[in-house]
Amino acid sequence: MNEEETIQVYDAIKQMRSMSQQEKSFSFVHATWNRDTATTNGIRAVERAHLRPAAKSEDLVNSDYKLFYFDEDLNEPRNCWQMLIMYFNGKRVILN
């Protein structure tokens, strides 16, 4: 049986930060969730992304729990909940 390689969510984010500082793109997959409307748009796969500066906690509610990224294929700034990151560069992301 082939076991899937895993990575802790905060280790994945640390690697995302490092790659972004080196101007390297990464891929990741996350579930979507809009807390204000209690809706989802399903699963989003982002093929080429880099992190952007996070919003300040006083400017945006729950900003400490969000990942702020730039989708290079859509040419759009985006964000997602950190705990909803499912894959990073092919590795399954786990919460502990």
N, C-alpha and C. Protein backbone atom coordinates (compact mmCIF):
# COMPACT_ATOMS: atom_id res chain seq x y z
N MET A 1 0.85 -1.18 0.00
CA MET A 1 0.00 0.00 0.00
C MET A 1 0.89 1.25 0.00
N ASN A 2 0.61 2.17 -0.87
CA ASN A 2 1.40 3.39 -1.00
C ASN A 2 0.83 4.46 -0.07
N GLU A 3 1.60 4.82 0.96
CA GLU A 3 1.13 5.84 1.88
C GLU A 3 1.39 7.22 1.31
N GLU A 4 0.42 8.08 1.48
CA GLU A 4 0.51 9.46 1.00
C GLU A 4 1.42 10.26 1.93
N GLU A 5 2.30 11.05 1.33
CA GLU A 5 3.19 11.90 2.13
C GLU A 5 2.36 13.02 2.76
N THR A 6 2.65 13.33 4.02
CA THR A 6 1.90 14.36 4.74
C THR A 6 2.83 15.44 5.26
N ILE A 7 2.22 16.58 5.59
CA ILE A 7 2.94 17.70 6.18
C ILE A 7 1.98 18.42 7.13
N GLN A 8 2.49 18.89 8.25
CA GLN A 8 1.68 19.66 9.20
C GLN A 8 1.32 21.01 8.57
N VAL A 9 0.14 21.51 8.86
CA VAL A 9 -0.33 22.75 8.24
C VAL A 9 0.63 23.91 8.48
N TYR A 10 1.15 24.06 9.70
CA TYR A 10 2.03 25.20 9.96
C TYR A 10 3.41 25.03 9.33
N ASP A 11 3.84 23.78 9.14
CA ASP A 11 5.07 23.53 8.40
C ASP A 11 4.87 23.87 6.92
N ALA A 12 3.70 23.55 6.40
CA ALA A 12 3.40 23.89 5.01
C ALA A 12 3.41 25.40 4.82
N ILE A 13 2.79 26.13 5.73
CA ILE A 13 2.75 27.59 5.64
C ILE A 13 4.15 28.17 5.75
N LYS A 14 4.96 27.59 6.62
CA LYS A 14 6.35 28.04 6.75
C LYS A 14 7.10 27.86 5.41
N GLN A 15 6.89 26.72 4.75
CA GLN A 15 7.52 26.49 3.45
C GLN A 15 6.96 27.43 2.39
N MET A 16 5.67 27.72 2.46
CA MET A 16 5.07 28.68 1.52
C MET A 16 5.73 30.04 1.66
N ARG A 17 5.94 30.46 2.91
CA ARG A 17 6.59 31.75 3.17
C ARG A 17 8.01 31.77 2.60
N SER A 18 8.74 30.70 2.84
CA SER A 18 10.11 30.60 2.35
C SER A 18 10.15 30.64 0.82
N MET A 19 9.29 29.89 0.19
CA MET A 19 9.26 29.86 -1.28
C MET A 19 8.87 31.23 -1.84
N SER A 20 7.91 31.87 -1.20
CA SER A 20 7.47 33.20 -1.65
C SER A 20 8.60 34.22 -1.53
N GLN A 21 9.37 34.14 -0.45
CA GLN A 21 10.51 35.05 -0.28
C GLN A 21 11.56 34.83 -1.36
N GLN A 22 11.66 33.58 -1.84
CA GLN A 22 12.62 33.25 -2.90
C GLN A 22 12.02 33.48 -4.29
N GLU A 23 10.80 34.05 -4.32
CA GLU A 23 10.06 34.31 -5.57
C GLU A 23 9.77 33.03 -6.34
N LYS A 24 9.50 31.94 -5.61
CA LYS A 24 9.11 30.66 -6.19
C LYS A 24 7.63 30.45 -5.95
N SER A 25 6.96 29.87 -6.93
CA SER A 25 5.54 29.55 -6.80
C SER A 25 5.37 28.19 -6.13
N PHE A 26 4.19 27.96 -5.59
CA PHE A 26 3.83 26.66 -5.04
C PHE A 26 2.39 26.36 -5.43
N SER A 27 2.01 25.10 -5.30
CA SER A 27 0.62 24.70 -5.56
C SER A 27 -0.01 24.26 -4.24
N PHE A 28 -1.31 24.45 -4.15
CA PHE A 28 -2.01 23.94 -2.97
C PHE A 28 -3.50 23.81 -3.28
N VAL A 29 -4.17 23.07 -2.43
CA VAL A 29 -5.60 22.81 -2.56
C VAL A 29 -6.23 23.15 -1.23
N HIS A 30 -7.36 23.85 -1.29
CA HIS A 30 -8.06 24.17 -0.04
C HIS A 30 -9.56 24.12 -0.24
N ALA A 31 -10.25 23.82 0.83
CA ALA A 31 -11.71 23.90 0.83
C ALA A 31 -12.08 25.37 0.99
N THR A 32 -13.19 25.75 0.42
CA THR A 32 -13.63 27.14 0.54
C THR A 32 -14.74 27.22 1.59
N TRP A 33 -14.78 28.35 2.28
CA TRP A 33 -15.82 28.59 3.28
C TRP A 33 -15.95 30.08 3.51
N ASN A 34 -17.17 30.60 3.33
CA ASN A 34 -17.47 31.98 3.64
C ASN A 34 -18.24 31.99 4.95
N ARG A 35 -17.56 32.42 5.99
CA ARG A 35 -18.16 32.39 7.32
C ARG A 35 -19.34 33.34 7.44
N ASP A 36 -19.29 34.47 6.74
CA ASP A 36 -20.37 35.46 6.83
C ASP A 36 -21.67 34.94 6.25
N THR A 37 -21.58 34.19 5.15
CA THR A 37 -22.80 33.70 4.49
C THR A 37 -23.03 32.21 4.72
N ALA A 38 -22.11 31.56 5.42
CA ALA A 38 -22.18 30.12 5.68
C ALA A 38 -22.35 29.33 4.38
N THR A 39 -21.51 29.68 3.39
CA THR A 39 -21.56 29.01 2.09
C THR A 39 -20.16 28.56 1.68
N THR A 40 -20.14 27.62 0.75
CA THR A 40 -18.88 27.13 0.20
C THR A 40 -18.96 27.12 -1.32
N ASN A 41 -17.81 27.22 -1.94
CA ASN A 41 -17.70 27.04 -3.40
C ASN A 41 -16.92 25.76 -3.68
N GLY A 42 -16.93 24.83 -2.73
CA GLY A 42 -16.27 23.54 -2.91
C GLY A 42 -14.77 23.60 -2.66
N ILE A 43 -14.06 22.82 -3.43
CA ILE A 43 -12.62 22.70 -3.30
C ILE A 43 -11.96 23.54 -4.38
N ARG A 44 -10.92 24.28 -4.01
CA ARG A 44 -10.19 25.11 -4.98
C ARG A 44 -8.76 24.61 -5.08
N ALA A 45 -8.35 24.29 -6.30
CA ALA A 45 -6.96 23.90 -6.56
C ALA A 45 -6.25 25.09 -7.18
N VAL A 46 -5.15 25.48 -6.58
CA VAL A 46 -4.38 26.63 -7.04
C VAL A 46 -3.04 26.08 -7.54
N GLU A 47 -2.81 26.20 -8.83
CA GLU A 47 -1.61 25.61 -9.43
C GLU A 47 -0.35 26.43 -9.18
N ARG A 48 -0.47 27.76 -9.22
CA ARG A 48 0.70 28.62 -9.03
C ARG A 48 0.30 29.78 -8.14
N ALA A 49 0.89 29.82 -6.95
CA ALA A 49 0.56 30.87 -5.98
C ALA A 49 1.82 31.32 -5.26
N HIS A 50 1.71 32.49 -4.67
CA HIS A 50 2.71 32.95 -3.72
C HIS A 50 1.97 33.73 -2.64
N LEU A 51 2.58 33.80 -1.46
CA LEU A 51 1.93 34.50 -0.36
C LEU A 51 2.08 36.00 -0.52
N ARG A 52 1.10 36.70 0.01
CA ARG A 52 1.14 38.16 0.04
C ARG A 52 1.03 38.58 1.51
N PRO A 53 1.34 39.83 1.82
CA PRO A 53 1.28 40.25 3.23
C PRO A 53 -0.11 40.02 3.82
N ALA A 54 -0.13 39.55 5.04
CA ALA A 54 -1.39 39.31 5.73
C ALA A 54 -2.02 40.63 6.15
N ALA A 55 -3.33 40.63 6.23
CA ALA A 55 -4.04 41.79 6.75
C ALA A 55 -3.78 41.90 8.25
N LYS A 56 -3.84 43.09 8.77
CA LYS A 56 -3.66 43.29 10.20
C LYS A 56 -4.93 42.85 10.92
N SER A 57 -4.76 42.27 12.07
CA SER A 57 -5.91 41.73 12.80
C SER A 57 -6.94 42.80 13.14
N GLU A 58 -6.49 44.04 13.30
CA GLU A 58 -7.47 45.09 13.59
C GLU A 58 -8.22 45.53 12.33
N ASP A 59 -7.69 45.17 11.14
CA ASP A 59 -8.36 45.54 9.89
C ASP A 59 -9.34 44.48 9.40
N LEU A 60 -9.14 43.23 9.80
CA LEU A 60 -9.96 42.13 9.29
C LEU A 60 -10.18 41.10 10.39
N VAL A 61 -11.43 40.77 10.63
CA VAL A 61 -11.76 39.79 11.66
C VAL A 61 -11.15 38.43 11.30
N ASN A 62 -10.56 37.77 12.27
CA ASN A 62 -9.98 36.43 12.12
C ASN A 62 -8.81 36.37 11.14
N SER A 63 -8.14 37.47 10.89
CA SER A 63 -7.04 37.47 9.92
C SER A 63 -5.91 36.53 10.33
N ASP A 64 -5.75 36.29 11.63
CA ASP A 64 -4.68 35.39 12.09
C ASP A 64 -4.91 33.95 11.65
N TYR A 65 -6.13 33.62 11.26
CA TYR A 65 -6.46 32.25 10.87
C TYR A 65 -6.57 32.09 9.35
N LYS A 66 -6.27 33.15 8.63
CA LYS A 66 -6.39 33.11 7.17
C LYS A 66 -5.02 33.11 6.51
N LEU A 67 -4.97 32.56 5.32
CA LEU A 67 -3.78 32.57 4.49
C LEU A 67 -4.05 33.53 3.34
N PHE A 68 -3.20 34.52 3.19
CA PHE A 68 -3.37 35.52 2.13
C PHE A 68 -2.39 35.19 1.02
N TYR A 69 -2.93 34.90 -0.16
CA TYR A 69 -2.10 34.48 -1.28
C TYR A 69 -2.51 35.19 -2.56
N PHE A 70 -1.65 35.06 -3.56
CA PHE A 70 -1.93 35.61 -4.89
C PHE A 70 -1.97 34.44 -5.85
N ASP A 71 -3.11 34.26 -6.53
CA ASP A 71 -3.26 33.21 -7.53
C ASP A 71 -2.68 33.73 -8.84
N GLU A 72 -1.55 33.19 -9.25
CA GLU A 72 -0.85 33.68 -10.43
C GLU A 72 -1.58 33.37 -11.72
N ASP A 73 -2.36 32.30 -11.76
CA ASP A 73 -3.11 31.96 -12.97
C ASP A 73 -4.33 32.85 -13.15
N LEU A 74 -5.01 33.18 -12.06
CA LEU A 74 -6.17 34.08 -12.14
C LEU A 74 -5.75 35.54 -12.06
N ASN A 75 -4.50 35.78 -11.65
CA ASN A 75 -3.98 37.14 -11.45
C ASN A 75 -4.85 37.91 -10.45
N GLU A 76 -5.14 37.22 -9.31
CA GLU A 76 -6.01 37.79 -8.29
C GLU A 76 -5.48 37.54 -6.89
N PRO A 77 -5.63 38.52 -6.01
CA PRO A 77 -5.35 38.26 -4.60
C PRO A 77 -6.51 37.46 -4.00
N ARG A 78 -6.19 36.48 -3.17
CA ARG A 78 -7.19 35.61 -2.57
C ARG A 78 -6.82 35.36 -1.12
N ASN A 79 -7.73 34.73 -0.40
CA ASN A 79 -7.41 34.24 0.94
C ASN A 79 -8.23 33.00 1.22
N CYS A 80 -7.75 32.22 2.18
CA CYS A 80 -8.48 31.03 2.61
C CYS A 80 -8.21 30.82 4.09
N TRP A 81 -9.03 29.99 4.71
CA TRP A 81 -8.80 29.62 6.10
C TRP A 81 -7.63 28.65 6.16
N GLN A 82 -6.67 28.91 7.03
CA GLN A 82 -5.50 28.04 7.15
C GLN A 82 -5.90 26.59 7.44
N MET A 83 -6.88 26.39 8.29
CA MET A 83 -7.27 25.03 8.68
C MET A 83 -7.97 24.27 7.55
N LEU A 84 -8.30 24.95 6.45
CA LEU A 84 -8.96 24.28 5.33
C LEU A 84 -7.99 23.94 4.19
N ILE A 85 -6.68 24.15 4.42
CA ILE A 85 -5.68 23.75 3.43
C ILE A 85 -5.60 22.23 3.44
N MET A 86 -5.75 21.62 2.28
CA MET A 86 -5.80 20.17 2.18
C MET A 86 -4.51 19.56 1.62
N TYR A 87 -3.91 20.25 0.64
CA TYR A 87 -2.68 19.76 0.00
C TYR A 87 -1.73 20.93 -0.24
N PHE A 88 -0.45 20.65 -0.15
CA PHE A 88 0.60 21.62 -0.47
C PHE A 88 1.66 20.90 -1.29
N ASN A 89 1.87 21.36 -2.51
CA ASN A 89 2.85 20.75 -3.42
C ASN A 89 2.75 19.23 -3.43
N GLY A 90 1.53 18.73 -3.51
CA GLY A 90 1.28 17.29 -3.62
C GLY A 90 1.25 16.52 -2.31
N LYS A 91 1.58 17.16 -1.20
CA LYS A 91 1.56 16.50 0.10
C LYS A 91 0.24 16.80 0.79
N ARG A 92 -0.33 15.78 1.43
CA ARG A 92 -1.57 15.98 2.17
C ARG A 92 -1.26 16.76 3.45
N VAL A 93 -2.01 17.82 3.69
CA VAL A 93 -1.80 18.67 4.86
C VAL A 93 -2.67 18.15 6.01
N ILE A 94 -2.04 18.03 7.18
CA ILE A 94 -2.77 17.55 8.35
C ILE A 94 -2.71 18.57 9.47
N LEU A 95 -3.75 18.56 10.29
CA LEU A 95 -3.82 19.40 11.49
C LEU A 95 -3.47 18.56 12.70
N ASN A 96 -2.66 19.10 13.58
CA ASN A 96 -2.36 18.44 14.85
C ASN A 96 -2.34 19.45 15.96
